[in-house]
Amino acid sequence: MYQELKLGVLSLLAILLIGCSSDSKNVEIENSIIGTWKLIEIYNDSGDGTGSWKPVENGYTYNFSIDGQFTSTRFSECSSGNYTIDANQLTLDFDCNGFTTGIEKPEGIFIENYAFESNTVVFIPIYLNCVEGCGWKFEKLN
């Protein structure tokens, strides 16, 4: 009887651990930056507190590889680089020699806070001075 009870408890624990492990992997995969993302909305507020998300036509894309490299259609002058993630901060380091837009410091490096929302990710630039807030919403294509 004791052996049967012990075996039953161990089986139940194994099932629970496998179930939890699978769920955490699904969340990790769902909340992964890896893949292709397209800009679909921009948040902007003129300073009066009435900001809202506005749809974007023909938004640019980012494609993030598992090896820390990315490609993008955001800038015609430079379309690739390396990225790093630290907590909820994404650093995009465009790899074209001398590339700058004049808004980022250091040149060619864009740092974004980010958060996942369902099948989208929102980038909030820390290199811009958005008094009432600004952001870019991307939809995952694959």
Protein backbone atom coordinates (compact mmCIF):
# COMPACT_ATOMS: atom_id res chain seq x y z
CA MET A 1 0.00 0.00 0.00
CA TYR A 2 2.80 2.42 0.95
CA GLN A 3 4.63 1.69 -2.35
CA GLU A 4 1.47 2.33 -4.38
CA LEU A 5 0.86 5.62 -2.57
CA LYS A 6 4.49 6.65 -3.04
CA LEU A 7 4.34 5.77 -6.75
CA GLY A 8 1.07 7.68 -7.14
CA VAL A 9 2.49 10.81 -5.47
CA LEU A 10 5.66 10.67 -7.58
CA SER A 11 3.59 10.27 -10.75
CA LEU A 12 1.42 13.24 -9.82
CA LEU A 13 4.49 15.40 -9.12
CA ALA A 14 6.05 14.42 -12.45
CA ILE A 15 2.87 15.37 -14.31
CA LEU A 16 2.70 18.73 -12.52
CA LEU A 17 6.37 19.50 -13.23
CA ILE A 18 6.04 18.62 -16.88
CA GLY A 19 2.89 20.76 -17.15
CA CYS A 20 4.56 23.77 -15.50
CA SER A 21 7.68 23.38 -17.57
CA SER A 22 5.65 23.31 -20.76
CA ASP A 23 3.66 26.40 -19.73
CA SER A 24 6.77 28.42 -18.91
CA LYS A 25 8.31 27.44 -22.27
CA ASN A 26 5.14 28.57 -24.07
CA VAL A 27 5.23 31.94 -22.28
CA GLU A 28 8.95 32.29 -23.08
CA ILE A 29 8.35 31.52 -26.77
CA GLU A 30 5.29 33.79 -26.90
CA ASN A 31 7.21 36.66 -25.27
CA SER A 32 10.32 36.31 -27.42
CA ILE A 33 11.69 39.16 -29.52
CA ILE A 34 12.99 36.58 -32.03
CA GLY A 35 11.21 36.86 -35.38
CA THR A 36 9.89 39.57 -37.67
CA TRP A 37 7.96 42.54 -36.28
CA LYS A 38 6.09 45.23 -38.24
CA LEU A 39 5.25 48.72 -36.96
CA ILE A 40 1.44 49.03 -36.84
CA GLU A 41 0.75 51.99 -34.50
CA ILE A 42 2.46 55.06 -33.04
CA TYR A 43 1.56 56.68 -29.73
CA ASN A 44 1.99 60.41 -29.51
CA ASP A 45 0.79 63.18 -27.27
CA SER A 46 1.24 66.86 -28.05
CA GLY A 47 1.55 67.64 -24.35
CA ASP A 48 -2.10 68.11 -23.40
CA GLY A 49 -2.71 64.58 -22.11
CA THR A 50 -4.92 63.49 -25.02
CA GLY A 51 -2.43 61.14 -26.66
CA SER A 52 -3.60 58.04 -28.45
CA TRP A 53 -2.42 55.23 -30.70
CA LYS A 54 -2.60 56.04 -34.41
CA PRO A 55 -2.40 53.37 -37.13
CA VAL A 56 0.60 53.35 -39.46
CA GLU A 57 0.47 52.46 -43.14
CA ASN A 58 3.44 50.55 -44.54
CA GLY A 59 5.30 50.43 -41.21
CA TYR A 60 8.94 49.45 -41.12
CA THR A 61 10.07 46.05 -39.86
CA TYR A 62 12.64 44.52 -37.56
CA ASN A 63 13.82 40.94 -37.87
CA PHE A 64 15.58 39.65 -34.75
CA SER A 65 17.71 36.50 -35.03
CA ILE A 66 18.52 34.19 -32.17
CA ASP A 67 22.25 35.00 -32.58
CA GLY A 68 21.85 38.66 -31.52
CA GLN A 69 21.72 40.17 -35.01
CA PHE A 70 18.88 42.13 -36.58
CA THR A 71 17.83 43.61 -39.89
CA SER A 72 15.45 46.52 -40.33
CA THR A 73 13.72 48.57 -42.98
CA ARG A 74 13.57 51.61 -40.65
CA PHE A 75 16.50 53.52 -42.17
CA SER A 76 17.54 53.36 -45.81
CA GLU A 77 21.12 54.33 -44.87
CA CYS A 78 21.64 51.31 -42.60
CA SER A 79 19.60 48.13 -42.32
CA SER A 80 21.47 45.79 -39.98
CA GLY A 81 23.25 45.48 -36.68
CA ASN A 82 23.43 43.71 -33.35
CA TYR A 83 21.01 43.80 -30.45
CA THR A 84 21.21 43.05 -26.76
CA ILE A 85 18.51 42.67 -24.15
CA ASP A 86 18.93 43.57 -20.50
CA ALA A 87 15.78 43.16 -18.39
CA ASN A 88 13.11 45.04 -20.41
CA GLN A 89 15.56 47.19 -22.35
CA LEU A 90 16.51 46.55 -25.97
CA THR A 91 19.71 48.07 -27.38
CA LEU A 92 19.91 48.28 -31.18
CA ASP A 93 23.45 48.88 -32.45
CA PHE A 94 23.31 49.62 -36.19
CA ASP A 95 26.55 48.37 -37.72
CA CYS A 96 27.06 50.82 -40.61
CA ASN A 97 30.22 52.87 -40.21
CA GLY A 98 29.40 56.50 -39.37
CA PHE A 99 25.62 55.93 -39.31
CA THR A 100 23.60 58.40 -37.25
CA THR A 101 20.20 60.07 -37.38
CA GLY A 102 21.28 62.84 -35.01
CA ILE A 103 18.75 61.90 -32.31
CA GLU A 104 20.55 58.97 -30.70
CA LYS A 105 23.59 58.96 -28.44
CA PRO A 106 25.99 57.37 -28.96
CA GLU A 107 25.68 57.48 -32.74
CA GLY A 108 24.01 54.46 -34.32
CA ILE A 109 22.73 53.07 -31.00
CA PHE A 110 19.03 53.16 -30.14
CA ILE A 111 17.87 52.08 -26.68
CA GLU A 112 14.22 51.16 -26.21
CA ASN A 113 12.28 50.01 -23.19
CA TYR A 114 9.85 47.33 -24.33
CA ALA A 115 6.84 45.39 -23.13
CA PHE A 116 4.82 42.57 -24.67
CA GLU A 117 1.06 42.99 -25.04
CA SER A 118 -0.65 39.89 -26.42
CA ASN A 119 0.77 39.40 -29.96
CA THR A 120 2.39 42.85 -30.02
CA VAL A 121 5.44 44.50 -28.52
CA VAL A 122 5.64 48.19 -27.59
CA PHE A 123 8.96 50.04 -27.88
CA ILE A 124 9.37 53.18 -25.80
CA PRO A 125 12.48 55.12 -26.83
CA ILE A 126 14.71 56.45 -24.09
CA TYR A 127 16.71 58.53 -26.58
CA LEU A 128 13.75 60.88 -27.21
CA ASN A 129 12.33 63.45 -24.81
CA CYS A 130 8.64 62.57 -24.89
CA VAL A 131 7.11 64.67 -22.12
CA GLU A 132 3.63 63.14 -22.41
CA GLY A 133 4.78 59.79 -23.77
CA CYS A 134 5.56 58.19 -27.08
CA GLY A 135 5.87 54.67 -28.35
CA TRP A 136 5.84 52.30 -31.28
CA LYS A 137 3.64 49.21 -31.40
CA PHE A 138 4.80 46.24 -33.47
CA GLU A 139 2.90 43.14 -34.53
CA LYS A 140 4.70 39.82 -34.87
CA LEU A 141 4.60 38.50 -38.42
CA ASN A 142 6.25 35.12 -37.74
